[in-house]
N, C-alpha and C. Protein backbone atom coordinates (compact mmCIF):
# COMPACT_ATOMS: atom_id res chain seq x y z
N MET A 1 71.09 79.16 147.06
CA MET A 1 70.73 77.79 146.74
C MET A 1 70.89 77.59 145.22
N ASP A 2 71.36 76.40 144.86
CA ASP A 2 71.56 76.03 143.45
C ASP A 2 70.88 74.69 143.22
N CYS A 3 69.60 74.70 142.94
CA CYS A 3 68.82 73.47 142.84
C CYS A 3 69.27 72.52 141.73
N ASP A 4 69.78 73.05 140.63
CA ASP A 4 70.14 72.17 139.52
C ASP A 4 71.63 71.83 139.47
N GLY A 5 72.43 72.36 140.39
CA GLY A 5 73.84 71.98 140.46
C GLY A 5 74.70 72.45 139.31
N ASP A 6 74.36 73.60 138.72
CA ASP A 6 75.16 74.09 137.60
C ASP A 6 76.14 75.19 138.00
N GLY A 7 76.23 75.45 139.31
CA GLY A 7 77.17 76.46 139.78
C GLY A 7 76.62 77.87 139.79
N GLN A 8 75.36 78.02 139.42
CA GLN A 8 74.72 79.33 139.43
C GLN A 8 73.53 79.27 140.37
N THR A 9 73.43 80.26 141.26
CA THR A 9 72.34 80.24 142.23
C THR A 9 71.00 80.37 141.54
N ASN A 10 69.96 79.92 142.22
CA ASN A 10 68.60 80.06 141.69
C ASN A 10 68.27 81.52 141.43
N ALA A 11 68.69 82.41 142.33
CA ALA A 11 68.41 83.84 142.14
C ALA A 11 69.08 84.35 140.87
N THR A 12 70.33 83.94 140.64
CA THR A 12 71.04 84.36 139.42
C THR A 12 70.33 83.83 138.20
N GLU A 13 69.89 82.58 138.26
CA GLU A 13 69.20 82.00 137.10
C GLU A 13 67.87 82.72 136.84
N CYS A 14 67.16 83.06 137.88
CA CYS A 14 65.90 83.79 137.69
C CYS A 14 66.16 85.17 137.09
N THR A 15 67.21 85.83 137.55
CA THR A 15 67.58 87.14 137.00
C THR A 15 67.95 87.03 135.52
N ASN A 16 68.61 85.92 135.15
CA ASN A 16 69.08 85.73 133.78
C ASN A 16 68.07 84.99 132.90
N ASN A 17 66.88 84.74 133.44
CA ASN A 17 65.84 84.01 132.71
C ASN A 17 66.27 82.62 132.26
N THR A 18 67.05 81.95 133.11
CA THR A 18 67.39 80.55 132.87
C THR A 18 66.63 79.71 133.89
N ASP A 19 66.56 78.41 133.67
CA ASP A 19 65.76 77.51 134.49
C ASP A 19 66.58 76.99 135.67
N PRO A 20 66.23 77.36 136.90
CA PRO A 20 66.99 76.90 138.06
C PRO A 20 66.84 75.41 138.37
N LEU A 21 66.04 74.71 137.59
CA LEU A 21 65.88 73.27 137.78
C LEU A 21 66.51 72.44 136.66
N ASP A 22 67.14 73.10 135.70
CA ASP A 22 67.76 72.42 134.56
C ASP A 22 69.25 72.81 134.50
N PRO A 23 70.16 71.85 134.75
CA PRO A 23 71.58 72.20 134.76
C PRO A 23 72.09 72.71 133.41
N CYS A 24 71.41 72.38 132.33
CA CYS A 24 71.85 72.85 131.01
C CYS A 24 71.31 74.23 130.66
N SER A 25 70.41 74.73 131.48
CA SER A 25 69.87 76.08 131.27
C SER A 25 70.65 77.01 132.20
N ASN A 26 71.65 77.66 131.64
CA ASN A 26 72.54 78.51 132.44
C ASN A 26 73.14 79.58 131.55
N THR A 27 74.09 80.33 132.06
CA THR A 27 74.69 81.40 131.27
C THR A 27 76.09 81.04 130.76
N TYR A 28 76.46 79.76 130.80
CA TYR A 28 77.73 79.33 130.21
C TYR A 28 77.53 79.31 128.69
N THR A 29 78.11 80.26 128.01
CA THR A 29 77.87 80.38 126.57
C THR A 29 79.03 79.90 125.72
N THR A 30 80.13 79.51 126.35
CA THR A 30 81.26 78.98 125.60
C THR A 30 81.72 77.67 126.21
N ALA A 31 82.38 76.86 125.42
CA ALA A 31 82.92 75.60 125.94
C ALA A 31 83.91 75.88 127.06
N ALA A 32 84.69 76.93 126.94
CA ALA A 32 85.70 77.24 127.95
C ALA A 32 85.08 77.49 129.32
N THR A 33 84.01 78.28 129.37
CA THR A 33 83.40 78.58 130.66
C THR A 33 82.68 77.36 131.24
N LEU A 34 82.00 76.62 130.39
CA LEU A 34 81.31 75.43 130.87
C LEU A 34 82.33 74.39 131.33
N CYS A 35 83.39 74.17 130.55
CA CYS A 35 84.41 73.18 130.90
C CYS A 35 85.17 73.58 132.16
N ALA A 36 85.38 74.86 132.37
CA ALA A 36 86.05 75.30 133.60
C ALA A 36 85.24 74.86 134.82
N TYR A 37 83.92 75.03 134.76
CA TYR A 37 83.08 74.63 135.88
C TYR A 37 83.05 73.11 136.04
N VAL A 38 82.81 72.37 134.96
CA VAL A 38 82.66 70.92 135.12
C VAL A 38 83.98 70.25 135.45
N THR A 39 85.09 70.80 134.99
CA THR A 39 86.39 70.23 135.34
C THR A 39 86.66 70.39 136.84
N ALA A 40 86.26 71.53 137.38
CA ALA A 40 86.42 71.77 138.82
C ALA A 40 85.39 71.01 139.65
N ASN A 41 84.28 70.60 139.01
CA ASN A 41 83.18 69.92 139.71
C ASN A 41 82.73 68.70 138.89
N PRO A 42 83.60 67.69 138.75
CA PRO A 42 83.33 66.59 137.82
C PRO A 42 82.17 65.67 138.15
N THR A 43 81.63 65.76 139.36
CA THR A 43 80.48 64.92 139.69
C THR A 43 79.19 65.74 139.83
N SER A 44 79.25 67.01 139.43
CA SER A 44 78.07 67.87 139.51
C SER A 44 77.03 67.44 138.47
N PRO A 45 75.78 67.80 138.70
CA PRO A 45 74.76 67.49 137.69
C PRO A 45 75.10 68.07 136.32
N LEU A 46 75.73 69.24 136.27
CA LEU A 46 76.10 69.83 134.99
C LEU A 46 77.18 69.00 134.30
N ALA A 47 78.15 68.50 135.06
CA ALA A 47 79.21 67.67 134.48
C ALA A 47 78.64 66.38 133.90
N LEU A 48 77.63 65.83 134.56
CA LEU A 48 77.06 64.54 134.14
C LEU A 48 75.93 64.69 133.14
N ALA A 49 75.56 65.92 132.82
CA ALA A 49 74.52 66.16 131.82
C ALA A 49 75.12 66.16 130.41
N ASP A 50 74.27 66.08 129.42
CA ASP A 50 74.67 66.17 128.01
C ASP A 50 73.94 67.37 127.42
N CYS A 51 74.51 68.55 127.62
CA CYS A 51 73.81 69.79 127.26
C CYS A 51 73.59 69.97 125.77
N ASP A 52 74.41 69.34 124.93
CA ASP A 52 74.20 69.49 123.49
C ASP A 52 73.39 68.33 122.90
N ASN A 53 72.98 67.40 123.77
CA ASN A 53 72.20 66.23 123.34
C ASN A 53 72.87 65.44 122.23
N GLY A 54 74.19 65.41 122.25
CA GLY A 54 74.93 64.67 121.22
C GLY A 54 75.26 63.24 121.63
N GLY A 55 74.99 62.90 122.90
CA GLY A 55 75.23 61.52 123.33
C GLY A 55 76.41 61.35 124.26
N ILE A 56 77.22 62.38 124.46
CA ILE A 56 78.38 62.30 125.33
C ILE A 56 78.20 63.33 126.44
N ILE A 57 78.40 62.91 127.70
CA ILE A 57 78.21 63.84 128.81
C ILE A 57 79.27 64.94 128.79
N ASN A 58 78.92 66.06 129.37
CA ASN A 58 79.77 67.26 129.34
C ASN A 58 81.19 67.01 129.83
N ILE A 59 81.35 66.32 130.95
CA ILE A 59 82.69 66.14 131.50
C ILE A 59 83.58 65.35 130.54
N ILE A 60 83.04 64.36 129.87
CA ILE A 60 83.83 63.57 128.90
C ILE A 60 84.23 64.45 127.72
N GLU A 61 83.31 65.25 127.23
CA GLU A 61 83.65 66.16 126.14
C GLU A 61 84.75 67.12 126.56
N CYS A 62 84.63 67.68 127.75
CA CYS A 62 85.64 68.63 128.22
C CYS A 62 86.99 67.95 128.40
N GLN A 63 87.00 66.77 128.98
CA GLN A 63 88.26 66.06 129.19
C GLN A 63 88.95 65.69 127.89
N ASN A 64 88.18 65.55 126.82
CA ASN A 64 88.75 65.15 125.53
C ASN A 64 88.87 66.31 124.55
N GLY A 65 88.74 67.53 125.05
CA GLY A 65 88.94 68.70 124.20
C GLY A 65 87.76 69.04 123.31
N GLY A 66 86.60 68.49 123.60
CA GLY A 66 85.42 68.77 122.80
C GLY A 66 84.66 69.98 123.29
N ASP A 67 83.56 70.24 122.62
CA ASP A 67 82.70 71.37 122.96
C ASP A 67 81.36 70.82 123.45
N PRO A 68 81.08 70.91 124.75
CA PRO A 68 79.83 70.36 125.27
C PRO A 68 78.59 71.13 124.86
N LEU A 69 78.78 72.17 124.04
CA LEU A 69 77.63 72.92 123.53
C LEU A 69 77.41 72.65 122.04
N ASP A 70 78.20 71.74 121.46
CA ASP A 70 78.11 71.44 120.03
C ASP A 70 78.02 69.93 119.82
N PRO A 71 76.86 69.41 119.43
CA PRO A 71 76.72 67.96 119.26
C PRO A 71 77.54 67.39 118.11
N ALA A 72 77.97 68.23 117.19
CA ALA A 72 78.68 67.75 116.00
C ALA A 72 80.03 67.12 116.34
N ASP A 73 80.63 67.46 117.48
CA ASP A 73 81.95 66.93 117.79
C ASP A 73 81.91 65.75 118.75
N ASP A 74 80.74 65.24 119.08
CA ASP A 74 80.66 64.19 120.09
C ASP A 74 81.38 62.91 119.67
N CYS A 75 81.29 62.50 118.43
CA CYS A 75 81.99 61.29 118.00
C CYS A 75 83.50 61.48 118.02
N ALA A 76 83.97 62.68 117.76
CA ALA A 76 85.40 62.94 117.82
C ALA A 76 85.90 62.82 119.26
N CYS A 77 85.02 63.06 120.21
CA CYS A 77 85.40 63.00 121.62
C CYS A 77 85.42 61.59 122.17
N ASP A 78 84.65 60.71 121.61
CA ASP A 78 84.56 59.36 122.15
C ASP A 78 84.30 58.38 121.01
N GLN A 79 85.36 58.02 120.30
CA GLN A 79 85.23 57.12 119.15
C GLN A 79 84.69 55.75 119.55
N GLN A 80 85.09 55.25 120.73
CA GLN A 80 84.61 53.94 121.16
C GLN A 80 83.10 53.95 121.34
N TRP A 81 82.58 55.02 121.98
CA TRP A 81 81.12 55.12 122.15
C TRP A 81 80.44 55.17 120.80
N CYS A 82 80.98 55.97 119.88
CA CYS A 82 80.34 56.11 118.57
C CYS A 82 80.35 54.80 117.81
N SER A 83 81.43 54.06 117.90
CA SER A 83 81.49 52.77 117.21
C SER A 83 80.41 51.84 117.74
N ARG A 84 80.26 51.78 119.07
CA ARG A 84 79.22 50.92 119.65
C ARG A 84 77.84 51.41 119.25
N TYR A 85 77.63 52.72 119.32
CA TYR A 85 76.32 53.30 119.00
C TYR A 85 75.96 53.04 117.54
N LEU A 86 76.90 53.27 116.64
CA LEU A 86 76.63 53.06 115.22
C LEU A 86 76.40 51.59 114.92
N CYS A 87 77.14 50.72 115.58
CA CYS A 87 76.92 49.28 115.39
C CYS A 87 75.54 48.88 115.89
N ASP A 88 75.15 49.42 117.04
CA ASP A 88 73.81 49.13 117.56
C ASP A 88 72.74 49.61 116.59
N LEU A 89 72.92 50.80 116.04
CA LEU A 89 71.95 51.31 115.07
C LEU A 89 71.87 50.40 113.86
N GLY A 90 73.04 49.96 113.39
CA GLY A 90 73.07 49.09 112.22
C GLY A 90 72.38 47.77 112.48
N SER A 91 72.60 47.19 113.66
CA SER A 91 71.98 45.90 113.94
C SER A 91 70.47 46.04 114.12
N LYS A 92 70.01 47.17 114.63
CA LYS A 92 68.57 47.37 114.82
C LYS A 92 67.86 47.64 113.50
N SER A 93 68.59 48.21 112.54
CA SER A 93 67.95 48.53 111.27
C SER A 93 68.31 47.52 110.18
N ASN A 94 69.12 46.52 110.55
CA ASN A 94 69.61 45.53 109.59
C ASN A 94 70.40 46.16 108.46
N LYS A 95 70.98 47.31 108.72
CA LYS A 95 71.82 47.96 107.73
C LYS A 95 73.18 48.22 108.36
N PRO A 96 74.24 47.89 107.65
CA PRO A 96 75.56 48.17 108.23
C PRO A 96 75.82 49.68 108.28
N ILE A 97 76.20 50.14 109.44
CA ILE A 97 76.54 51.54 109.62
C ILE A 97 77.92 51.58 110.27
N GLY A 98 78.87 52.16 109.64
CA GLY A 98 80.22 52.24 110.21
C GLY A 98 80.89 50.87 110.20
N LYS A 99 82.04 50.82 110.86
CA LYS A 99 82.79 49.57 110.95
C LYS A 99 82.46 48.91 112.28
N CYS A 100 81.93 47.69 112.23
CA CYS A 100 81.58 46.99 113.47
C CYS A 100 82.50 45.79 113.68
């Protein structure tokens, strides 16, 4: 059984001290291994999660050559999202941020 949909069984996660209820808690330690799984399973909970908390879901990062374990490259993976996000931040703070 794989309760969190990350491609690793609950037993494997318990053995590896990862959380079987959190798709981002797993043993994928490189972008290559994580992207291999999410590319093969694009609608899985792991593919739709944002494991680096950078604002872009894992499958989008993988499809655009990014690293779903590194939040620093999220804007490089989705410039349109970043433009909207930065514009929203600017309008909420009344300060221009980026090009809107």
